Amino acid sequence: MKNPTISKMEDVAAILKGRRKQLGITQKTLASFCNLSHNGISRIEVADSDIKLSTLLKMSKILGFKIVIELEQ
């Protein structure tokens, strides 16, 4: 997926889960890297929990994506 537009938490959840699975990284491994519980990652991946920006930045490093904020005109 190239440059997806995020408009709701479910979009974030689907992208994170898909990328994690694409790379073959387990929820436990990702949780350890992000200093979260396995349950915390699971809740993020089903959009049952808001994600902190600091956590999203950590996830971007291990999952290999960048975060771009674009202002609407």
N, C-alpha and C. Protein backbone atom coordinates (compact mmCIF):
# COMPACT_ATOMS: atom_id res chain seq x y z
N MET A 1 0.84 -1.17 0.00
CA MET A 1 0.00 0.00 0.00
C MET A 1 0.89 1.24 0.00
N LYS A 2 0.62 2.14 -0.90
CA LYS A 2 1.46 3.33 -1.01
C LYS A 2 0.72 4.56 -0.51
N ASN A 3 1.32 5.25 0.44
CA ASN A 3 0.80 6.49 1.00
C ASN A 3 -0.69 6.45 1.35
N PRO A 4 -1.08 5.55 2.23
CA PRO A 4 -2.50 5.50 2.61
C PRO A 4 -2.89 6.73 3.42
N THR A 5 -4.13 7.15 3.26
CA THR A 5 -4.66 8.25 4.05
C THR A 5 -5.41 7.65 5.23
N ILE A 6 -5.07 8.12 6.40
CA ILE A 6 -5.67 7.61 7.63
C ILE A 6 -6.78 8.56 8.06
N SER A 7 -7.98 8.03 8.23
CA SER A 7 -9.08 8.89 8.66
C SER A 7 -9.74 8.39 9.93
N LYS A 8 -9.37 7.18 10.36
CA LYS A 8 -9.94 6.64 11.59
C LYS A 8 -9.00 5.59 12.19
N MET A 9 -9.21 5.28 13.44
CA MET A 9 -8.33 4.35 14.16
C MET A 9 -8.29 2.97 13.50
N GLU A 10 -9.39 2.55 12.92
CA GLU A 10 -9.42 1.24 12.24
C GLU A 10 -8.43 1.19 11.08
N ASP A 11 -8.23 2.32 10.41
CA ASP A 11 -7.25 2.38 9.32
C ASP A 11 -5.84 2.14 9.86
N VAL A 12 -5.51 2.80 10.95
CA VAL A 12 -4.20 2.63 11.58
C VAL A 12 -4.01 1.17 11.98
N ALA A 13 -5.03 0.60 12.62
CA ALA A 13 -4.96 -0.78 13.10
C ALA A 13 -4.69 -1.75 11.95
N ALA A 14 -5.43 -1.60 10.87
CA ALA A 14 -5.28 -2.51 9.73
C ALA A 14 -3.90 -2.40 9.09
N ILE A 15 -3.40 -1.18 8.97
CA ILE A 15 -2.08 -0.97 8.37
C ILE A 15 -0.99 -1.57 9.25
N LEU A 16 -1.05 -1.31 10.56
CA LEU A 16 -0.04 -1.85 11.47
C LEU A 16 -0.04 -3.37 11.48
N LYS A 17 -1.22 -3.95 11.59
CA LYS A 17 -1.32 -5.41 11.63
C LYS A 17 -0.83 -6.03 10.32
N GLY A 18 -1.24 -5.45 9.20
CA GLY A 18 -0.83 -5.98 7.90
C GLY A 18 0.67 -5.91 7.71
N ARG A 19 1.27 -4.81 8.08
CA ARG A 19 2.72 -4.65 7.93
C ARG A 19 3.48 -5.60 8.86
N ARG A 20 3.00 -5.73 10.09
CA ARG A 20 3.64 -6.66 11.03
C ARG A 20 3.63 -8.08 10.47
N LYS A 21 2.47 -8.50 9.97
CA LYS A 21 2.35 -9.85 9.42
C LYS A 21 3.21 -10.01 8.15
N GLN A 22 3.24 -8.98 7.32
CA GLN A 22 4.04 -9.02 6.10
C GLN A 22 5.52 -9.26 6.43
N LEU A 23 5.98 -8.67 7.53
CA LEU A 23 7.38 -8.83 7.92
C LEU A 23 7.62 -10.07 8.78
N GLY A 24 6.57 -10.77 9.16
CA GLY A 24 6.72 -11.98 9.97
C GLY A 24 7.11 -11.69 11.41
N ILE A 25 6.72 -10.54 11.92
CA ILE A 25 7.02 -10.17 13.30
C ILE A 25 5.83 -10.52 14.18
N THR A 26 6.11 -11.17 15.30
CA THR A 26 5.02 -11.53 16.20
C THR A 26 4.57 -10.34 17.04
N GLN A 27 3.36 -10.43 17.56
CA GLN A 27 2.87 -9.39 18.46
C GLN A 27 3.77 -9.28 19.69
N LYS A 28 4.25 -10.41 20.19
CA LYS A 28 5.13 -10.40 21.36
C LYS A 28 6.43 -9.65 21.08
N THR A 29 7.02 -9.88 19.92
CA THR A 29 8.26 -9.20 19.56
C THR A 29 8.03 -7.70 19.43
N LEU A 30 6.95 -7.33 18.77
CA LEU A 30 6.63 -5.91 18.61
C LEU A 30 6.34 -5.27 19.96
N ALA A 31 5.63 -5.98 20.80
CA ALA A 31 5.32 -5.47 22.13
C ALA A 31 6.58 -5.23 22.94
N SER A 32 7.50 -6.14 22.87
CA SER A 32 8.75 -6.01 23.60
C SER A 32 9.53 -4.77 23.13
N PHE A 33 9.61 -4.59 21.83
CA PHE A 33 10.32 -3.44 21.27
C PHE A 33 9.67 -2.12 21.68
N CYS A 34 8.34 -2.11 21.74
CA CYS A 34 7.60 -0.88 22.04
C CYS A 34 7.36 -0.69 23.53
N ASN A 35 7.86 -1.62 24.33
CA ASN A 35 7.67 -1.55 25.78
C ASN A 35 6.19 -1.59 26.16
N LEU A 36 5.46 -2.47 25.48
CA LEU A 36 4.04 -2.68 25.75
C LEU A 36 3.81 -4.15 26.05
N SER A 37 2.63 -4.46 26.52
CA SER A 37 2.26 -5.86 26.71
C SER A 37 1.77 -6.43 25.38
N HIS A 38 1.77 -7.75 25.29
CA HIS A 38 1.21 -8.43 24.12
C HIS A 38 -0.24 -8.00 23.95
N ASN A 39 -0.96 -7.89 25.06
CA ASN A 39 -2.36 -7.47 25.02
C ASN A 39 -2.48 -6.03 24.48
N GLY A 40 -1.52 -5.18 24.81
CA GLY A 40 -1.53 -3.81 24.31
C GLY A 40 -1.45 -3.75 22.79
N ILE A 41 -0.57 -4.55 22.22
CA ILE A 41 -0.44 -4.62 20.75
C ILE A 41 -1.73 -5.17 20.15
N SER A 42 -2.26 -6.20 20.75
CA SER A 42 -3.49 -6.80 20.27
C SER A 42 -4.63 -5.78 20.25
N ARG A 43 -4.74 -5.00 21.30
CA ARG A 43 -5.80 -3.99 21.39
C ARG A 43 -5.61 -2.89 20.33
N ILE A 44 -4.37 -2.51 20.07
CA ILE A 44 -4.09 -1.52 19.02
C ILE A 44 -4.51 -2.08 17.66
N GLU A 45 -4.20 -3.35 17.41
CA GLU A 45 -4.47 -3.97 16.11
C GLU A 45 -5.95 -4.21 15.83
N VAL A 46 -6.78 -4.14 16.84
CA VAL A 46 -8.23 -4.26 16.62
C VAL A 46 -8.93 -2.93 16.88
N ALA A 47 -8.15 -1.86 16.97
CA ALA A 47 -8.66 -0.50 17.18
C ALA A 47 -9.48 -0.39 18.45
N ASP A 48 -9.06 -1.14 19.47
CA ASP A 48 -9.75 -1.10 20.76
C ASP A 48 -9.02 -0.18 21.75
N SER A 49 -7.93 0.43 21.28
CA SER A 49 -7.13 1.27 22.14
C SER A 49 -6.50 2.38 21.31
N ASP A 50 -6.49 3.58 21.85
CA ASP A 50 -5.80 4.67 21.18
C ASP A 50 -4.30 4.42 21.27
N ILE A 51 -3.58 4.89 20.28
CA ILE A 51 -2.14 4.69 20.25
C ILE A 51 -1.45 6.03 20.49
N LYS A 52 -0.48 6.01 21.38
CA LYS A 52 0.30 7.22 21.64
C LYS A 52 1.25 7.46 20.47
N LEU A 53 1.52 8.72 20.20
CA LEU A 53 2.43 9.05 19.12
C LEU A 53 3.81 8.43 19.35
N SER A 54 4.27 8.43 20.59
CA SER A 54 5.59 7.84 20.88
C SER A 54 5.61 6.35 20.55
N THR A 55 4.51 5.67 20.81
CA THR A 55 4.42 4.24 20.47
C THR A 55 4.39 4.06 18.96
N LEU A 56 3.64 4.90 18.28
CA LEU A 56 3.57 4.81 16.82
C LEU A 56 4.94 5.05 16.19
N LEU A 57 5.71 5.97 16.75
CA LEU A 57 7.06 6.22 16.24
C LEU A 57 7.97 5.02 16.46
N LYS A 58 7.86 4.37 17.62
CA LYS A 58 8.65 3.16 17.87
C LYS A 58 8.26 2.07 16.88
N MET A 59 6.96 1.91 16.66
CA MET A 59 6.48 0.89 15.73
C MET A 59 6.98 1.18 14.32
N SER A 60 7.05 2.46 13.96
CA SER A 60 7.49 2.81 12.60
C SER A 60 8.92 2.35 12.36
N LYS A 61 9.74 2.38 13.39
CA LYS A 61 11.13 1.94 13.23
C LYS A 61 11.23 0.45 12.97
N ILE A 62 10.53 -0.34 13.76
CA ILE A 62 10.63 -1.80 13.59
C ILE A 62 9.85 -2.30 12.37
N LEU A 63 8.75 -1.60 12.03
CA LEU A 63 7.93 -2.04 10.91
C LEU A 63 8.33 -1.37 9.59
N GLY A 64 9.26 -0.43 9.65
CA GLY A 64 9.80 0.17 8.44
C GLY A 64 8.85 1.07 7.68
N PHE A 65 8.23 1.99 8.37
CA PHE A 65 7.41 2.98 7.67
C PHE A 65 7.69 4.35 8.26
N LYS A 66 7.26 5.38 7.56
CA LYS A 66 7.43 6.73 8.08
C LYS A 66 6.06 7.37 8.25
N ILE A 67 6.01 8.32 9.13
CA ILE A 67 4.77 9.03 9.41
C ILE A 67 4.88 10.42 8.81
N VAL A 68 3.90 10.79 8.02
CA VAL A 68 3.88 12.09 7.39
C VAL A 68 2.59 12.78 7.77
N ILE A 69 2.72 14.01 8.25
CA ILE A 69 1.54 14.79 8.57
C ILE A 69 1.39 15.86 7.50
N GLU A 70 0.24 15.88 6.89
CA GLU A 70 0.00 16.83 5.81
C GLU A 70 -1.19 17.70 6.18
N LEU A 71 -1.01 18.99 6.08
CA LEU A 71 -2.09 19.91 6.39
C LEU A 71 -3.02 20.05 5.19
N GLU A 72 -4.31 20.10 5.46
CA GLU A 72 -5.27 20.33 4.39
C GLU A 72 -5.30 21.80 4.06
N GLN A 73 -5.47 22.11 2.82
CA GLN A 73 -5.51 23.51 2.37
C GLN A 73 -6.91 24.07 2.45
